[in-house]
Amino acid sequence: MTQAGGETLRSLPEMFFKRAARYGDRARYRVFRDGQWKEFTWRDMDTAVREIAAGLIALGFVKGARAARSEEH
């Protein structure tokens, strides 16, 4: 797997964390909620991903384990 600039990356998580480190406080995405736009930065997403990962590990998930997510719209 490669990224712009020819840098070789081994996985999607590696790509995500490198981008989060590079873009930090830049907007990752925006959502319209409660009548206003809310912005989430790359740093916000990095924190959320790490917190979710820590929670899964605390529940006993190990490398290679699978999880599914379901939500109502």
PDB file of N, CA and C in Angstrom:
ATOM      1  N   MET A   1       0.863  -1.165   0.000  1.00  0.00           N
ATOM      2  CA  MET A   1       0.000   0.000   0.000  1.00  0.00           C
ATOM      3  C   MET A   1       0.913   1.232   0.000  1.00  0.00           C
ATOM      4  N   THR A   2       0.586   2.213  -0.804  1.00  0.00           N
ATOM      5  CA  THR A   2       1.403   3.428  -0.847  1.00  0.00           C
ATOM      6  C   THR A   2       0.547   4.656  -0.618  1.00  0.00           C
ATOM      7  N   GLN A   3       1.214   5.733  -0.351  1.00  0.00           N
ATOM      8  CA  GLN A   3       0.562   7.015  -0.092  1.00  0.00           C
ATOM      9  C   GLN A   3       1.222   8.046  -0.992  1.00  0.00           C
ATOM     10  N   ALA A   4       0.546   9.165  -1.201  1.00  0.00           N
ATOM     11  CA  ALA A   4       1.128  10.243  -2.003  1.00  0.00           C
ATOM     12  C   ALA A   4       2.540  10.548  -1.516  1.00  0.00           C
ATOM     13  N   GLY A   5       3.436  10.744  -2.423  1.00  0.00           N
ATOM     14  CA  GLY A   5       4.820  10.995  -2.065  1.00  0.00           C
ATOM     15  C   GLY A   5       5.650   9.724  -2.076  1.00  0.00           C
ATOM     16  N   GLY A   6       5.019   8.594  -2.393  1.00  0.00           N
ATOM     17  CA  GLY A   6       5.742   7.338  -2.512  1.00  0.00           C
ATOM     18  C   GLY A   6       6.056   6.639  -1.210  1.00  0.00           C
ATOM     19  N   GLU A   7       5.574   7.148  -0.085  1.00  0.00           N
ATOM     20  CA  GLU A   7       5.831   6.516   1.206  1.00  0.00           C
ATOM     21  C   GLU A   7       5.087   5.190   1.281  1.00  0.00           C
ATOM     22  N   THR A   8       5.776   4.120   1.659  1.00  0.00           N
ATOM     23  CA  THR A   8       5.158   2.803   1.759  1.00  0.00           C
ATOM     24  C   THR A   8       4.575   2.618   3.157  1.00  0.00           C
ATOM     25  N   LEU A   9       3.316   2.257   3.190  1.00  0.00           N
ATOM     26  CA  LEU A   9       2.621   2.009   4.455  1.00  0.00           C
ATOM     27  C   LEU A   9       2.121   0.575   4.467  1.00  0.00           C
ATOM     28  N   ARG A  10       2.116  -0.042   5.644  1.00  0.00           N
ATOM     29  CA  ARG A  10       1.756  -1.450   5.749  1.00  0.00           C
ATOM     30  C   ARG A  10       0.274  -1.694   6.001  1.00  0.00           C
ATOM     31  N   SER A  11      -0.445  -0.680   6.494  1.00  0.00           N
ATOM     32  CA  SER A  11      -1.842  -0.927   6.863  1.00  0.00           C
ATOM     33  C   SER A  11      -2.652   0.365   6.855  1.00  0.00           C
ATOM     34  N   LEU A  12      -3.966   0.237   6.871  1.00  0.00           N
ATOM     35  CA  LEU A  12      -4.846   1.403   6.977  1.00  0.00           C
ATOM     36  C   LEU A  12      -4.675   2.118   8.318  1.00  0.00           C
ATOM     37  N   PRO A  13      -4.555   1.372   9.432  1.00  0.00           N
ATOM     38  CA  PRO A  13      -4.318   2.077  10.696  1.00  0.00           C
ATOM     39  C   PRO A  13      -3.033   2.907  10.660  1.00  0.00           C
ATOM     40  N   GLU A  14      -1.970   2.376  10.065  1.00  0.00           N
ATOM     41  CA  GLU A  14      -0.726   3.137   9.967  1.00  0.00           C
ATOM     42  C   GLU A  14      -0.948   4.410   9.161  1.00  0.00           C
ATOM     43  N   MET A  15      -1.700   4.306   8.061  1.00  0.00           N
ATOM     44  CA  MET A  15      -2.001   5.480   7.240  1.00  0.00           C
ATOM     45  C   MET A  15      -2.799   6.502   8.053  1.00  0.00           C
ATOM     46  N   PHE A  16      -3.821   6.025   8.765  1.00  0.00           N
ATOM     47  CA  PHE A  16      -4.656   6.921   9.568  1.00  0.00           C
ATOM     48  C   PHE A  16      -3.822   7.680  10.604  1.00  0.00           C
ATOM     49  N   PHE A  17      -3.011   6.960  11.393  1.00  0.00           N
ATOM     50  CA  PHE A  17      -2.261   7.606  12.463  1.00  0.00           C
ATOM     51  C   PHE A  17      -1.189   8.552  11.924  1.00  0.00           C
ATOM     52  N   LYS A  18      -0.587   8.240  10.790  1.00  0.00           N
ATOM     53  CA  LYS A  18       0.377   9.173  10.185  1.00  0.00           C
ATOM     54  C   LYS A  18      -0.329  10.449   9.733  1.00  0.00           C
ATOM     55  N   ARG A  19      -1.506  10.304   9.140  1.00  0.00           N
ATOM     56  CA  ARG A  19      -2.249  11.496   8.718  1.00  0.00           C
ATOM     57  C   ARG A  19      -2.724  12.307   9.914  1.00  0.00           C
ATOM     58  N   ALA A  20      -3.184  11.622  10.957  1.00  0.00           N
ATOM     59  CA  ALA A  20      -3.630  12.331  12.163  1.00  0.00           C
ATOM     60  C   ALA A  20      -2.472  13.131  12.760  1.00  0.00           C
ATOM     61  N   ALA A  21      -1.284  12.542  12.770  1.00  0.00           N
ATOM     62  CA  ALA A  21      -0.116  13.250  13.293  1.00  0.00           C
ATOM     63  C   ALA A  21       0.240  14.443  12.404  1.00  0.00           C
ATOM     64  N   ARG A  22       0.105  14.265  11.110  1.00  0.00           N
ATOM     65  CA  ARG A  22       0.467  15.334  10.175  1.00  0.00           C
ATOM     66  C   ARG A  22      -0.538  16.478  10.197  1.00  0.00           C
ATOM     67  N   TYR A  23      -1.845  16.162  10.242  1.00  0.00           N
ATOM     68  CA  TYR A  23      -2.869  17.194  10.093  1.00  0.00           C
ATOM     69  C   TYR A  23      -3.434  17.710  11.412  1.00  0.00           C
ATOM     70  N   GLY A  24      -3.214  17.007  12.511  1.00  0.00           N
ATOM     71  CA  GLY A  24      -3.556  17.479  13.852  1.00  0.00           C
ATOM     72  C   GLY A  24      -4.855  18.241  14.005  1.00  0.00           C
ATOM     73  N   ASP A  25      -4.764  19.557  14.067  1.00  0.00           N
ATOM     74  CA  ASP A  25      -5.931  20.395  14.338  1.00  0.00           C
ATOM     75  C   ASP A  25      -6.703  20.810  13.090  1.00  0.00           C
ATOM     76  N   ARG A  26      -6.330  20.282  11.941  1.00  0.00           N
ATOM     77  CA  ARG A  26      -7.106  20.563  10.729  1.00  0.00           C
ATOM     78  C   ARG A  26      -8.407  19.764  10.767  1.00  0.00           C
ATOM     79  N   ALA A  27      -9.439  20.287  10.133  1.00  0.00           N
ATOM     80  CA  ALA A  27     -10.742  19.618  10.125  1.00  0.00           C
ATOM     81  C   ALA A  27     -10.656  18.268   9.421  1.00  0.00           C
ATOM     82  N   ARG A  28     -11.184  17.251  10.063  1.00  0.00           N
ATOM     83  CA  ARG A  28     -11.293  15.917   9.453  1.00  0.00           C
ATOM     84  C   ARG A  28     -12.644  15.809   8.763  1.00  0.00           C
ATOM     85  N   TYR A  29     -13.697  16.239   9.462  1.00  0.00           N
ATOM     86  CA  TYR A  29     -15.024  16.323   8.865  1.00  0.00           C
ATOM     87  C   TYR A  29     -15.912  17.241   9.679  1.00  0.00           C
ATOM     88  N   ARG A  30     -17.028  17.613   9.085  1.00  0.00           N
ATOM     89  CA  ARG A  30     -18.006  18.479   9.749  1.00  0.00           C
ATOM     90  C   ARG A  30     -19.376  17.830   9.643  1.00  0.00           C
ATOM     91  N   VAL A  31     -20.189  17.999  10.694  1.00  0.00           N
ATOM     92  CA  VAL A  31     -21.556  17.481  10.682  1.00  0.00           C
ATOM     93  C   VAL A  31     -22.509  18.583  11.126  1.00  0.00           C
ATOM     94  N   PHE A  32     -23.714  18.540  10.599  1.00  0.00           N
ATOM     95  CA  PHE A  32     -24.746  19.501  10.999  1.00  0.00           C
ATOM     96  C   PHE A  32     -25.575  18.840  12.082  1.00  0.00           C
ATOM     97  N   ARG A  33     -25.504  19.379  13.296  1.00  0.00           N
ATOM     98  CA  ARG A  33     -26.181  18.770  14.441  1.00  0.00           C
ATOM     99  C   ARG A  33     -26.769  19.869  15.309  1.00  0.00           C
ATOM    100  N   ASP A  34     -28.011  19.686  15.714  1.00  0.00           N
ATOM    101  CA  ASP A  34     -28.687  20.651  16.592  1.00  0.00           C
ATOM    102  C   ASP A  34     -28.671  22.067  16.018  1.00  0.00           C
ATOM    103  N   GLY A  35     -28.870  22.157  14.710  1.00  0.00           N
ATOM    104  CA  GLY A  35     -28.981  23.450  14.061  1.00  0.00           C
ATOM    105  C   GLY A  35     -27.682  24.185  13.799  1.00  0.00           C
ATOM    106  N   GLN A  36     -26.565  23.505  14.016  1.00  0.00           N
ATOM    107  CA  GLN A  36     -25.284  24.164  13.746  1.00  0.00           C
ATOM    108  C   GLN A  36     -24.249  23.140  13.268  1.00  0.00           C
ATOM    109  N   TRP A  37     -23.219  23.660  12.615  1.00  0.00           N
ATOM    110  CA  TRP A  37     -22.139  22.810  12.138  1.00  0.00           C
ATOM    111  C   TRP A  37     -21.162  22.534  13.270  1.00  0.00           C
ATOM    112  N   LYS A  38     -20.766  21.273  13.396  1.00  0.00           N
ATOM    113  CA  LYS A  38     -19.761  20.883  14.386  1.00  0.00           C
ATOM    114  C   LYS A  38     -18.581  20.301  13.621  1.00  0.00           C
ATOM    115  N   GLU A  39     -17.386  20.748  14.007  1.00  0.00           N
ATOM    116  CA  GLU A  39     -16.170  20.306  13.336  1.00  0.00           C
ATOM    117  C   GLU A  39     -15.406  19.314  14.191  1.00  0.00           C
ATOM    118  N   PHE A  40     -14.890  18.276  13.558  1.00  0.00           N
ATOM    119  CA  PHE A  40     -14.045  17.287  14.217  1.00  0.00           C
ATOM    120  C   PHE A  40     -12.689  17.305  13.532  1.00  0.00           C
ATOM    121  N   THR A  41     -11.632  17.425  14.313  1.00  0.00           N
ATOM    122  CA  THR A  41     -10.290  17.487  13.757  1.00  0.00           C
ATOM    123  C   THR A  41      -9.670  16.095  13.664  1.00  0.00           C
ATOM    124  N   TRP A  42      -8.547  16.033  12.985  1.00  0.00           N
ATOM    125  CA  TRP A  42      -7.798  14.775  12.931  1.00  0.00           C
ATOM    126  C   TRP A  42      -7.391  14.364  14.344  1.00  0.00           C
ATOM    127  N   ARG A  43      -7.047  15.332  15.192  1.00  0.00           N
ATOM    128  CA  ARG A  43      -6.665  15.020  16.576  1.00  0.00           C
ATOM    129  C   ARG A  43      -7.852  14.427  17.348  1.00  0.00           C
ATOM    130  N   ASP A  44      -9.056  14.977  17.134  1.00  0.00           N
ATOM    131  CA  ASP A  44     -10.263  14.429  17.762  1.00  0.00           C
ATOM    132  C   ASP A  44     -10.457  12.967  17.368  1.00  0.00           C
ATOM    133  N   MET A  45     -10.285  12.700  16.070  1.00  0.00           N
ATOM    134  CA  MET A  45     -10.480  11.331  15.576  1.00  0.00           C
ATOM    135  C   MET A  45      -9.405  10.391  16.110  1.00  0.00           C
ATOM    136  N   ASP A  46      -8.160  10.854  16.188  1.00  0.00           N
ATOM    137  CA  ASP A  46      -7.075  10.059  16.744  1.00  0.00           C
ATOM    138  C   ASP A  46      -7.410   9.661  18.184  1.00  0.00           C
ATOM    139  N   THR A  47      -7.864  10.632  18.968  1.00  0.00           N
ATOM    140  CA  THR A  47      -8.237  10.365  20.363  1.00  0.00           C
ATOM    141  C   THR A  47      -9.376   9.353  20.440  1.00  0.00           C
ATOM    142  N   ALA A  48     -10.404   9.534  19.624  1.00  0.00           N
ATOM    143  CA  ALA A  48     -11.556   8.624  19.638  1.00  0.00           C
ATOM    144  C   ALA A  48     -11.142   7.201  19.269  1.00  0.00           C
ATOM    145  N   VAL A  49     -10.322   7.062  18.241  1.00  0.00           N
ATOM    146  CA  VAL A  49      -9.878   5.726  17.809  1.00  0.00           C
ATOM    147  C   VAL A  49      -9.073   5.054  18.914  1.00  0.00           C
ATOM    148  N   ARG A  50      -8.181   5.799  19.545  1.00  0.00           N
ATOM    149  CA  ARG A  50      -7.372   5.222  20.622  1.00  0.00           C
ATOM    150  C   ARG A  50      -8.227   4.836  21.836  1.00  0.00           C
ATOM    151  N   GLU A  51      -9.245   5.640  22.151  1.00  0.00           N
ATOM    152  CA  GLU A  51     -10.133   5.312  23.271  1.00  0.00           C
ATOM    153  C   GLU A  51     -10.963   4.068  22.975  1.00  0.00           C
ATOM    154  N   ILE A  52     -11.460   3.956  21.760  1.00  0.00           N
ATOM    155  CA  ILE A  52     -12.225   2.764  21.377  1.00  0.00           C
ATOM    156  C   ILE A  52     -11.330   1.531  21.429  1.00  0.00           C
ATOM    157  N   ALA A  53     -10.115   1.645  20.899  1.00  0.00           N
ATOM    158  CA  ALA A  53      -9.176   0.515  20.926  1.00  0.00           C
ATOM    159  C   ALA A  53      -8.874   0.091  22.361  1.00  0.00           C
ATOM    160  N   ALA A  54      -8.647   1.049  23.249  1.00  0.00           N
ATOM    161  CA  ALA A  54      -8.363   0.732  24.651  1.00  0.00           C
ATOM    162  C   ALA A  54      -9.553   0.025  25.294  1.00  0.00           C
ATOM    163  N   GLY A  55     -10.757   0.474  24.959  1.00  0.00           N
ATOM    164  CA  GLY A  55     -11.959  -0.172  25.491  1.00  0.00           C
ATOM    165  C   GLY A  55     -12.099  -1.602  25.013  1.00  0.00           C
ATOM    166  N   LEU A  56     -11.824  -1.842  23.741  1.00  0.00           N
ATOM    167  CA  LEU A  56     -11.901  -3.210  23.202  1.00  0.00           C
ATOM    168  C   LEU A  56     -10.850  -4.111  23.848  1.00  0.00           C
ATOM    169  N   ILE A  57      -9.652  -3.579  24.036  1.00  0.00           N
ATOM    170  CA  ILE A  57      -8.605  -4.357  24.704  1.00  0.00           C
ATOM    171  C   ILE A  57      -9.018  -4.686  26.136  1.00  0.00           C
ATOM    172  N   ALA A  58      -9.611  -3.711  26.828  1.00  0.00           N
ATOM    173  CA  ALA A  58     -10.077  -3.940  28.204  1.00  0.00           C
ATOM    174  C   ALA A  58     -11.164  -5.013  28.263  1.00  0.00           C
ATOM    175  N   LEU A  59     -11.906  -5.157  27.162  1.00  0.00           N
ATOM    176  CA  LEU A  59     -12.954  -6.185  27.098  1.00  0.00           C
ATOM    177  C   LEU A  59     -12.400  -7.559  26.715  1.00  0.00           C
ATOM    178  N   GLY A  60     -11.110  -7.616  26.405  1.00  0.00           N
ATOM    179  CA  GLY A  60     -10.491  -8.898  26.098  1.00  0.00           C
ATOM    180  C   GLY A  60     -10.199  -9.142  24.628  1.00  0.00           C
ATOM    181  N   PHE A  61     -10.424  -8.150  23.771  1.00  0.00           N
ATOM    182  CA  PHE A  61     -10.109  -8.322  22.358  1.00  0.00           C
ATOM    183  C   PHE A  61      -8.602  -8.409  22.186  1.00  0.00           C
ATOM    184  N   VAL A  62      -8.175  -9.271  21.293  1.00  0.00           N
ATOM    185  CA  VAL A  62      -6.758  -9.436  20.991  1.00  0.00           C
ATOM    186  C   VAL A  62      -6.530  -9.167  19.509  1.00  0.00           C
ATOM    187  N   LYS A  63      -5.265  -9.000  19.124  1.00  0.00           N
ATOM    188  CA  LYS A  63      -4.924  -8.752  17.723  1.00  0.00           C
ATOM    189  C   LYS A  63      -5.538  -9.840  16.850  1.00  0.00           C
ATOM    190  N   GLY A  64      -6.235  -9.416  15.808  1.00  0.00           N
ATOM    191  CA  GLY A  64      -6.871 -10.350  14.883  1.00  0.00           C
ATOM    192  C   GLY A  64      -8.334 -10.621  15.204  1.00  0.00           C
ATOM    193  N   ALA A  65      -8.783 -10.243  16.405  1.00  0.00           N
ATOM    194  CA  ALA A  65     -10.190 -10.440  16.766  1.00  0.00           C
ATOM    195  C   ALA A  65     -11.049  -9.506  15.925  1.00  0.00           C
ATOM    196  N   ARG A  66     -12.297  -9.860  15.743  1.00  0.00           N
ATOM    197  CA  ARG A  66     -13.198  -9.043  14.933  1.00  0.00           C
ATOM    198  C   ARG A  66     -14.355  -8.527  15.766  1.00  0.00           C
ATOM    199  N   ALA A  67     -14.822  -7.355  15.379  1.00  0.00           N
ATOM    200  CA  ALA A  67     -15.958  -6.732  16.053  1.00  0.00           C
ATOM    201  C   ALA A  67     -16.860  -6.140  14.975  1.00  0.00           C
ATOM    202  N   ALA A  68     -18.127  -5.997  15.280  1.00  0.00           N
ATOM    203  CA  ALA A  68     -19.075  -5.371  14.360  1.00  0.00           C
ATOM    204  C   ALA A  68     -19.745  -4.212  15.066  1.00  0.00           C
ATOM    205  N   ARG A  69     -20.215  -3.276  14.276  1.00  0.00           N
ATOM    206  CA  ARG A  69     -20.887  -2.100  14.826  1.00  0.00           C
ATOM    207  C   ARG A  69     -22.257  -1.982  14.160  1.00  0.00           C
ATOM    208  N   SER A  70     -23.244  -1.679  14.956  1.00  0.00           N
ATOM    209  CA  SER A  70     -24.592  -1.503  14.439  1.00  0.00           C
ATOM    210  C   SER A  70     -25.179  -0.262  15.073  1.00  0.00           C
ATOM    211  N   GLU A  71     -25.860   0.542  14.270  1.00  0.00           N
ATOM    212  CA  GLU A  71     -26.491   1.743  14.814  1.00  0.00           C
ATOM    213  C   GLU A  71     -27.772   2.034  14.059  1.00  0.00           C
ATOM    214  N   GLU A  72     -28.623   2.754  14.696  1.00  0.00           N
ATOM    215  CA  GLU A  72     -29.895   3.143  14.117  1.00  0.00           C
ATOM    216  C   GLU A  72     -29.770   4.552  13.571  1.00  0.00           C
ATOM    217  N   HIS A  73     -30.343   4.794  12.398  1.00  0.00           N
ATOM    218  CA  HIS A  73     -30.273   6.132  11.803  1.00  0.00           C
ATOM    219  C   HIS A  73     -31.519   6.910  12.100  1.00  0.00           C
TER     220      HIS A  73
END
